Amino acid sequence: MEKIISIIVLASLFIFCINTSSSSANNQKKKNPPLGKSGQSSEEDAEVPLSFKNVIGNWRLKYSGNYGYYFSLSPNYRALVIIYLNTQALIFRGVYTINDENKLRINISEMKDEPRVTALNLYKGFMKAKSSYFLFAGYRVKKNNRAALNLQPRAIVIDGNNSDGYFEPSIKLAKEP
């Protein structure tokens, strides 16, 4: 368990560094967004609070070097979270809920460390998790007719061990078709 926690902490720090450098490049592009037909910026975000209906689907954030996140949130409240760490992947299964304060909580029931990222085995080799969950504040965004899920991690607890704030400040997941 401690190995998985240390991998999550290191991966989050690494992904945060990648995200920080790429977001500064994106900020340069956002200074003069193109104008739409109405004269408003065509990149304007329409933030929508999280609900059980609008989070359903497969969501992905991919960085270079095969790093990133994959969230699958199904209508029956099951959740699958995969954290890609170059040549390995951490896989978490559980159930999710959304509370009134616009927070997404994924209660983790099983997890595993997969040594490769191709042909992931999502059915066998999982370990039961106790007192484990991810807690995110967030909202859904529709930008240029593309749905995205913006999540800010608030707590990551694995087998009762807290990550103590070592995680990426914002995860912007794009909805897969």
C-alpha atoms as a PDB file:
ATOM      1  CA  MET A   1       0.000   0.000   0.000  1.00  0.00           C
ATOM      2  CA  GLU A   2       2.768   2.435   0.873  1.00  0.00           C
ATOM      3  CA  LYS A   3       4.278   1.838  -2.567  1.00  0.00           C
ATOM      4  CA  ILE A   4       1.002   2.826  -4.251  1.00  0.00           C
ATOM      5  CA  ILE A   5       0.718   5.969  -2.107  1.00  0.00           C
ATOM      6  CA  SER A   6       4.294   7.018  -2.878  1.00  0.00           C
ATOM      7  CA  ILE A   7       3.705   6.380  -6.598  1.00  0.00           C
ATOM      8  CA  ILE A   8       0.571   8.559  -6.495  1.00  0.00           C
ATOM      9  CA  VAL A   9       2.454  11.363  -4.734  1.00  0.00           C
ATOM     10  CA  LEU A  10       5.380  11.260  -7.171  1.00  0.00           C
ATOM     11  CA  ALA A  11       3.089  10.988 -10.189  1.00  0.00           C
ATOM     12  CA  SER A  12       0.991  13.924  -9.025  1.00  0.00           C
ATOM     13  CA  LEU A  13       4.072  16.078  -8.547  1.00  0.00           C
ATOM     14  CA  PHE A  14       5.397  15.099 -11.972  1.00  0.00           C
ATOM     15  CA  ILE A  15       2.068  15.723 -13.699  1.00  0.00           C
ATOM     16  CA  PHE A  16       1.754  19.043 -11.854  1.00  0.00           C
ATOM     17  CA  CYS A  17       5.137  20.118 -13.256  1.00  0.00           C
ATOM     18  CA  ILE A  18       4.085  19.119 -16.783  1.00  0.00           C
ATOM     19  CA  ASN A  19       0.740  20.899 -16.376  1.00  0.00           C
ATOM     20  CA  THR A  20       2.372  24.080 -15.065  1.00  0.00           C
ATOM     21  CA  SER A  21       4.713  24.344 -18.034  1.00  0.00           C
ATOM     22  CA  SER A  22       1.981  23.617 -20.594  1.00  0.00           C
ATOM     23  CA  SER A  23      -0.516  26.005 -18.968  1.00  0.00           C
ATOM     24  CA  SER A  24       1.885  28.931 -19.335  1.00  0.00           C
ATOM     25  CA  ALA A  25       1.993  28.237 -23.083  1.00  0.00           C
ATOM     26  CA  ASN A  26      -1.813  28.045 -23.187  1.00  0.00           C
ATOM     27  CA  ASN A  27      -2.108  31.383 -21.361  1.00  0.00           C
ATOM     28  CA  GLN A  28      -0.251  33.045 -24.233  1.00  0.00           C
ATOM     29  CA  LYS A  29      -2.901  31.743 -26.667  1.00  0.00           C
ATOM     30  CA  LYS A  30      -5.805  32.948 -24.490  1.00  0.00           C
ATOM     31  CA  LYS A  31      -4.789  36.621 -24.453  1.00  0.00           C
ATOM     32  CA  ASN A  32      -6.582  37.380 -27.736  1.00  0.00           C
ATOM     33  CA  PRO A  33      -9.315  34.757 -28.253  1.00  0.00           C
ATOM     34  CA  PRO A  34     -11.143  34.834 -31.612  1.00  0.00           C
ATOM     35  CA  LEU A  35     -14.553  36.493 -31.707  1.00  0.00           C
ATOM     36  CA  GLY A  36     -17.677  34.582 -32.690  1.00  0.00           C
ATOM     37  CA  LYS A  37     -20.624  35.838 -34.758  1.00  0.00           C
ATOM     38  CA  SER A  38     -22.155  37.649 -31.790  1.00  0.00           C
ATOM     39  CA  GLY A  39     -18.929  39.514 -31.025  1.00  0.00           C
ATOM     40  CA  GLN A  40     -18.302  37.460 -27.883  1.00  0.00           C
ATOM     41  CA  SER A  41     -15.311  35.250 -27.416  1.00  0.00           C
ATOM     42  CA  SER A  42     -15.907  31.835 -29.004  1.00  0.00           C
ATOM     43  CA  GLU A  43     -13.830  30.262 -26.237  1.00  0.00           C
ATOM     44  CA  GLU A  44     -16.209  31.382 -23.494  1.00  0.00           C
ATOM     45  CA  ASP A  45     -16.780  28.687 -20.878  1.00  0.00           C
ATOM     46  CA  ALA A  46     -20.274  27.787 -19.715  1.00  0.00           C
ATOM     47  CA  GLU A  47     -19.712  26.357 -16.219  1.00  0.00           C
ATOM     48  CA  VAL A  48     -22.404  23.947 -15.050  1.00  0.00           C
ATOM     49  CA  PRO A  49     -22.577  22.435 -11.550  1.00  0.00           C
ATOM     50  CA  LEU A  50     -21.913  18.709 -11.301  1.00  0.00           C
ATOM     51  CA  SER A  51     -24.943  16.427 -11.408  1.00  0.00           C
ATOM     52  CA  PHE A  52     -25.447  12.691 -11.719  1.00  0.00           C
ATOM     53  CA  LYS A  53     -26.623  13.146 -15.307  1.00  0.00           C
ATOM     54  CA  ASN A  54     -23.854  15.380 -16.634  1.00  0.00           C
ATOM     55  CA  VAL A  55     -20.835  13.460 -15.299  1.00  0.00           C
ATOM     56  CA  ILE A  56     -21.760  10.141 -16.916  1.00  0.00           C
ATOM     57  CA  GLY A  57     -19.269   9.083 -19.549  1.00  0.00           C
ATOM     58  CA  ASN A  58     -15.594   8.553 -20.219  1.00  0.00           C
ATOM     59  CA  TRP A  59     -13.244  11.444 -19.493  1.00  0.00           C
ATOM     60  CA  ARG A  60      -9.539  11.693 -20.316  1.00  0.00           C
ATOM     61  CA  LEU A  61      -6.576  13.999 -19.803  1.00  0.00           C
ATOM     62  CA  LYS A  62      -3.445  12.922 -21.630  1.00  0.00           C
ATOM     63  CA  TYR A  63       0.022  14.416 -21.333  1.00  0.00           C
ATOM     64  CA  SER A  64       3.080  13.650 -23.426  1.00  0.00           C
ATOM     65  CA  GLY A  65       5.147  10.659 -22.401  1.00  0.00           C
ATOM     66  CA  ASN A  66       2.061   8.526 -21.706  1.00  0.00           C
ATOM     67  CA  TYR A  67       1.090  10.315 -18.481  1.00  0.00           C
ATOM     68  CA  GLY A  68      -2.464  11.250 -17.640  1.00  0.00           C
ATOM     69  CA  TYR A  69      -5.863  10.366 -16.223  1.00  0.00           C
ATOM     70  CA  TYR A  70      -8.896   8.396 -17.350  1.00  0.00           C
ATOM     71  CA  PHE A  71     -12.232   8.532 -15.504  1.00  0.00           C
ATOM     72  CA  SER A  72     -15.192   6.332 -16.413  1.00  0.00           C
ATOM     73  CA  LEU A  73     -18.380   7.280 -14.553  1.00  0.00           C
ATOM     74  CA  SER A  74     -21.337   5.041 -15.375  1.00  0.00           C
ATOM     75  CA  PRO A  75     -25.101   5.538 -14.886  1.00  0.00           C
ATOM     76  CA  ASN A  76     -25.126   2.852 -12.163  1.00  0.00           C
ATOM     77  CA  TYR A  77     -22.720   5.002 -10.062  1.00  0.00           C
ATOM     78  CA  ARG A  78     -19.695   2.798 -10.730  1.00  0.00           C
ATOM     79  CA  ALA A  79     -16.382   4.540 -11.212  1.00  0.00           C
ATOM     80  CA  LEU A  80     -13.125   3.485 -12.801  1.00  0.00           C
ATOM     81  CA  VAL A  81     -10.080   5.745 -12.468  1.00  0.00           C
ATOM     82  CA  ILE A  82      -6.796   5.037 -14.243  1.00  0.00           C
ATOM     83  CA  ILE A  83      -3.659   7.081 -13.620  1.00  0.00           C
ATOM     84  CA  TYR A  84      -1.126   6.596 -16.418  1.00  0.00           C
ATOM     85  CA  LEU A  85       2.506   6.850 -15.320  1.00  0.00           C
ATOM     86  CA  ASN A  86       4.541   6.372 -18.498  1.00  0.00           C
ATOM     87  CA  THR A  87       5.066   2.574 -18.504  1.00  0.00           C
ATOM     88  CA  GLN A  88       2.708   1.615 -15.668  1.00  0.00           C
ATOM     89  CA  ALA A  89      -0.830   2.401 -14.574  1.00  0.00           C
ATOM     90  CA  LEU A  90      -2.669   2.640 -11.261  1.00  0.00           C
ATOM     91  CA  ILE A  91      -6.261   1.430 -11.530  1.00  0.00           C
ATOM     92  CA  PHE A  92      -8.998   2.196  -8.994  1.00  0.00           C
ATOM     93  CA  ARG A  93     -12.564   0.836  -8.968  1.00  0.00           C
ATOM     94  CA  GLY A  94     -15.410   2.004  -6.792  1.00  0.00           C
ATOM     95  CA  VAL A  95     -18.621   4.003  -6.689  1.00  0.00           C
ATOM     96  CA  TYR A  96     -19.179   7.734  -6.943  1.00  0.00           C
ATOM     97  CA  THR A  97     -21.557  10.252  -5.470  1.00  0.00           C
ATOM     98  CA  ILE A  98     -22.109  13.984  -5.858  1.00  0.00           C
ATOM     99  CA  ASN A  99     -23.117  16.110  -2.889  1.00  0.00           C
ATOM    100  CA  ASP A 100     -24.906  19.454  -2.684  1.00  0.00           C
ATOM    101  CA  GLU A 101     -21.651  21.382  -2.463  1.00  0.00           C
ATOM    102  CA  ASN A 102     -20.693  20.404  -6.027  1.00  0.00           C
ATOM    103  CA  LYS A 103     -18.187  17.795  -4.903  1.00  0.00           C
ATOM    104  CA  LEU A 104     -17.518  14.472  -6.605  1.00  0.00           C
ATOM    105  CA  ARG A 105     -16.497  11.697  -4.223  1.00  0.00           C
ATOM    106  CA  ILE A 106     -15.233   8.363  -5.508  1.00  0.00           C
ATOM    107  CA  ASN A 107     -15.242   5.686  -2.802  1.00  0.00           C
ATOM    108  CA  ILE A 108     -12.542   3.215  -3.810  1.00  0.00           C
ATOM    109  CA  SER A 109     -13.243  -0.456  -3.173  1.00  0.00           C
ATOM    110  CA  GLU A 110     -10.441  -2.045  -5.225  1.00  0.00           C
ATOM    111  CA  MET A 111      -7.112  -0.977  -6.673  1.00  0.00           C
ATOM    112  CA  LYS A 112      -4.100  -2.372  -8.467  1.00  0.00           C
ATOM    113  CA  ASP A 113      -0.735  -1.413  -9.899  1.00  0.00           C
ATOM    114  CA  GLU A 114      -0.545  -2.551 -13.529  1.00  0.00           C
ATOM    115  CA  PRO A 115       3.067  -2.896 -14.786  1.00  0.00           C
ATOM    116  CA  ARG A 116       2.180  -2.007 -18.389  1.00  0.00           C
ATOM    117  CA  VAL A 117      -0.192   0.452 -20.038  1.00  0.00           C
ATOM    118  CA  THR A 118      -1.153  -1.540 -23.119  1.00  0.00           C
ATOM    119  CA  ALA A 119      -3.905  -4.157 -22.860  1.00  0.00           C
ATOM    120  CA  LEU A 120      -4.802  -3.286 -19.267  1.00  0.00           C
ATOM    121  CA  ASN A 121      -6.477  -6.077 -17.316  1.00  0.00           C
ATOM    122  CA  LEU A 122      -9.491  -4.393 -15.711  1.00  0.00           C
ATOM    123  CA  TYR A 123     -10.958  -7.611 -14.278  1.00  0.00           C
ATOM    124  CA  LYS A 124      -8.330  -9.529 -12.260  1.00  0.00           C
ATOM    125  CA  GLY A 125      -5.562  -8.837  -9.782  1.00  0.00           C
ATOM    126  CA  PHE A 126      -7.269  -6.160  -7.694  1.00  0.00           C
ATOM    127  CA  MET A 127      -6.631  -5.680  -3.976  1.00  0.00           C
ATOM    128  CA  LYS A 128      -9.453  -4.657  -1.651  1.00  0.00           C
ATOM    129  CA  ALA A 129      -9.094  -1.110  -0.362  1.00  0.00           C
ATOM    130  CA  LYS A 130     -10.201   0.111   3.053  1.00  0.00           C
ATOM    131  CA  SER A 131     -11.012   3.722   3.938  1.00  0.00           C
ATOM    132  CA  SER A 132     -10.036   4.902   0.455  1.00  0.00           C
ATOM    133  CA  TYR A 133     -11.561   7.707  -1.573  1.00  0.00           C
ATOM    134  CA  PHE A 134     -10.922  10.615  -3.942  1.00  0.00           C
ATOM    135  CA  LEU A 135     -12.724  13.902  -3.257  1.00  0.00           C
ATOM    136  CA  PHE A 136     -12.926  16.564  -5.981  1.00  0.00           C
ATOM    137  CA  ALA A 137     -14.566  19.966  -6.219  1.00  0.00           C
ATOM    138  CA  GLY A 138     -15.514  20.727  -9.771  1.00  0.00           C
ATOM    139  CA  TYR A 139     -17.852  21.682 -12.550  1.00  0.00           C
ATOM    140  CA  ARG A 140     -18.656  20.719 -16.106  1.00  0.00           C
ATOM    141  CA  VAL A 141     -17.723  23.070 -18.936  1.00  0.00           C
ATOM    142  CA  LYS A 142     -18.921  23.286 -22.500  1.00  0.00           C
ATOM    143  CA  LYS A 143     -16.370  25.080 -24.651  1.00  0.00           C
ATOM    144  CA  ASN A 144     -16.537  25.208 -28.448  1.00  0.00           C
ATOM    145  CA  ASN A 145     -19.217  22.470 -28.352  1.00  0.00           C
ATOM    146  CA  ARG A 146     -16.871  20.138 -26.448  1.00  0.00           C
ATOM    147  CA  ALA A 147     -17.676  18.916 -22.954  1.00  0.00           C
ATOM    148  CA  ALA A 148     -14.994  18.962 -20.275  1.00  0.00           C
ATOM    149  CA  LEU A 149     -14.917  18.116 -16.601  1.00  0.00           C
ATOM    150  CA  ASN A 150     -12.791  20.427 -14.448  1.00  0.00           C
ATOM    151  CA  LEU A 151     -11.886  18.816 -11.136  1.00  0.00           C
ATOM    152  CA  GLN A 152      -9.844  20.212  -8.263  1.00  0.00           C
ATOM    153  CA  PRO A 153      -8.646  17.457  -5.902  1.00  0.00           C
ATOM    154  CA  ARG A 154      -9.547  18.131  -2.264  1.00  0.00           C
ATOM    155  CA  ALA A 155      -8.484  14.831  -0.673  1.00  0.00           C
ATOM    156  CA  ILE A 156      -6.877  11.585  -1.736  1.00  0.00           C
ATOM    157  CA  VAL A 157      -7.030   8.896   0.941  1.00  0.00           C
ATOM    158  CA  ILE A 158      -5.712   5.378   0.289  1.00  0.00           C
ATOM    159  CA  ASP A 159      -6.175   2.793   3.067  1.00  0.00           C
ATOM    160  CA  GLY A 160      -6.591   5.595   5.581  1.00  0.00           C
ATOM    161  CA  ASN A 161      -3.389   7.397   4.499  1.00  0.00           C
ATOM    162  CA  ASN A 162      -3.871  10.963   3.303  1.00  0.00           C
ATOM    163  CA  SER A 163      -1.798  12.364   0.447  1.00  0.00           C
ATOM    164  CA  ASP A 164      -1.359  15.557   2.529  1.00  0.00           C
ATOM    165  CA  GLY A 165      -2.027  17.883  -0.389  1.00  0.00           C
ATOM    166  CA  TYR A 166       0.411  16.354  -2.876  1.00  0.00           C
ATOM    167  CA  PHE A 167      -1.709  16.370  -5.988  1.00  0.00           C
ATOM    168  CA  GLU A 168      -2.293  18.357  -9.124  1.00  0.00           C
ATOM    169  CA  PRO A 169      -4.297  21.556  -8.427  1.00  0.00           C
ATOM    170  CA  SER A 170      -6.655  21.128 -11.379  1.00  0.00           C
ATOM    171  CA  ILE A 171      -7.513  18.236 -13.690  1.00  0.00           C
ATOM    172  CA  LYS A 172      -9.250  19.197 -16.951  1.00  0.00           C
ATOM    173  CA  LEU A 173     -10.724  16.056 -18.480  1.00  0.00           C
ATOM    174  CA  ALA A 174     -12.151  16.032 -22.010  1.00  0.00           C
ATOM    175  CA  LYS A 175     -15.191  13.875 -22.706  1.00  0.00           C
ATOM    176  CA  GLU A 176     -14.564  11.036 -25.104  1.00  0.00           C
ATOM    177  CA  PRO A 177     -17.049  10.497 -27.933  1.00  0.00           C
END
